[in-house]
Amino acid sequence: MLPFRLSPVYKSYIWGGKNLITSWGKTPVTETLAESWELASHSDGDNVILDGELSGLTLSEAVRRFPAMVSPNFRADDTFPVMVKLIDAARPLSVQVHPFTEYARRVENSRGKIEAWYILGHDEGAYIYLGFSRNVSRREFEAAIRDETLTDMLRKVYVKDGDMYFIPAGTIHAIGAGITLAEIQENSNITYRVYDYGRLGADGKPRELHIAKALDVTNTFPLTITPPGRAGNVIVSCNKFHAERLRAPFAGNAEGSFMFMLCLEGECVMRCGDYVCELVKGGNVFVPGDCECDYAVEGDGVMFVARE
């Protein structure tokens, strides 16, 4: 099977901005955009295939019909393993936590959620919250939520472009204002919101918090943060996903597992057998795991390359 492009899924939450529209070529019907789900096979967002022999199918339907396009051992009833998003936080995201797999399966009938952030742009002084700054007890954690002093006990980390942060399940965290990033994560949309700065949602009411579940899953000790940066081209690699930053020209093959490429800057042409695809910043292409052709990416672009 030859490669194909995917139509993004747009999410316009209250903290989104205009950067994905003005700088990344996204075209939502709303004036602002929080997230662009570039690789998604989920009930809350499903990419549509834009070209090739599967044009018009959702990614979920395609992998049900042709599971080998994911990997040789993938079954038609398996859950697609990963998601890739572009995120524009014009305002801070809520302080939140994602469950680990055992809890998510038992309580939510879902995967857990491990994720990683690759910083693409930031305003001066922009920061994230990542774990606690010290060991805290469950009682202290619960009291800080109630007293709205939770952020006082979180670790604030100032970011710069090119930083990578790995967020294990159970780690309390938040993306601060003025940050654009690429996120790779397990294929889950379970978020437990703990603190939301007293904001109101589109309905004029405070957004829902999920305190009881957050108390169940949050690790209340400091996260060991590896120094920002990369080992060569690798952005992140764990047992759930792998991502690299590759500058064209480069070439290769699927090697039995799908590859997803997202253009971060510049312009590229991707060739694979009879398939030719031009890519500019914000464009993507999916290389199926059962693709038998070698591919070549030419030009001066930089690609975010993700796989299981």
Foldseek 3Di string as FASTA:
>chain_A
DFKFFWAWDWDAFPQFACCCVPPFVDDDPDNTTFKTWRDADDPVTWIATPDDPRHGDTPLVVCLVPVLQAFPPGHSPDDRWKIKMKGAGQAKDFFWFWFAAVCCCVPPVWHTKKKKKAWAWFDPPFWKWKAFPFFDDLVVCVVCLVVVNNVVGTDIGGDDHGFMWIHGGQITMMGGHGTIIMMMMTNDDDMAGRGDPQDAGPVRHNDDGRNVVNSVRHDRGGDDTDDTHDDPQWRDDDPRKTKGKDWDWDKFALCRHKKKKAWQAFWKWKDWPPDIDIDHRNTMMIGGSPRPTIMTIHGGIIIIMMTD
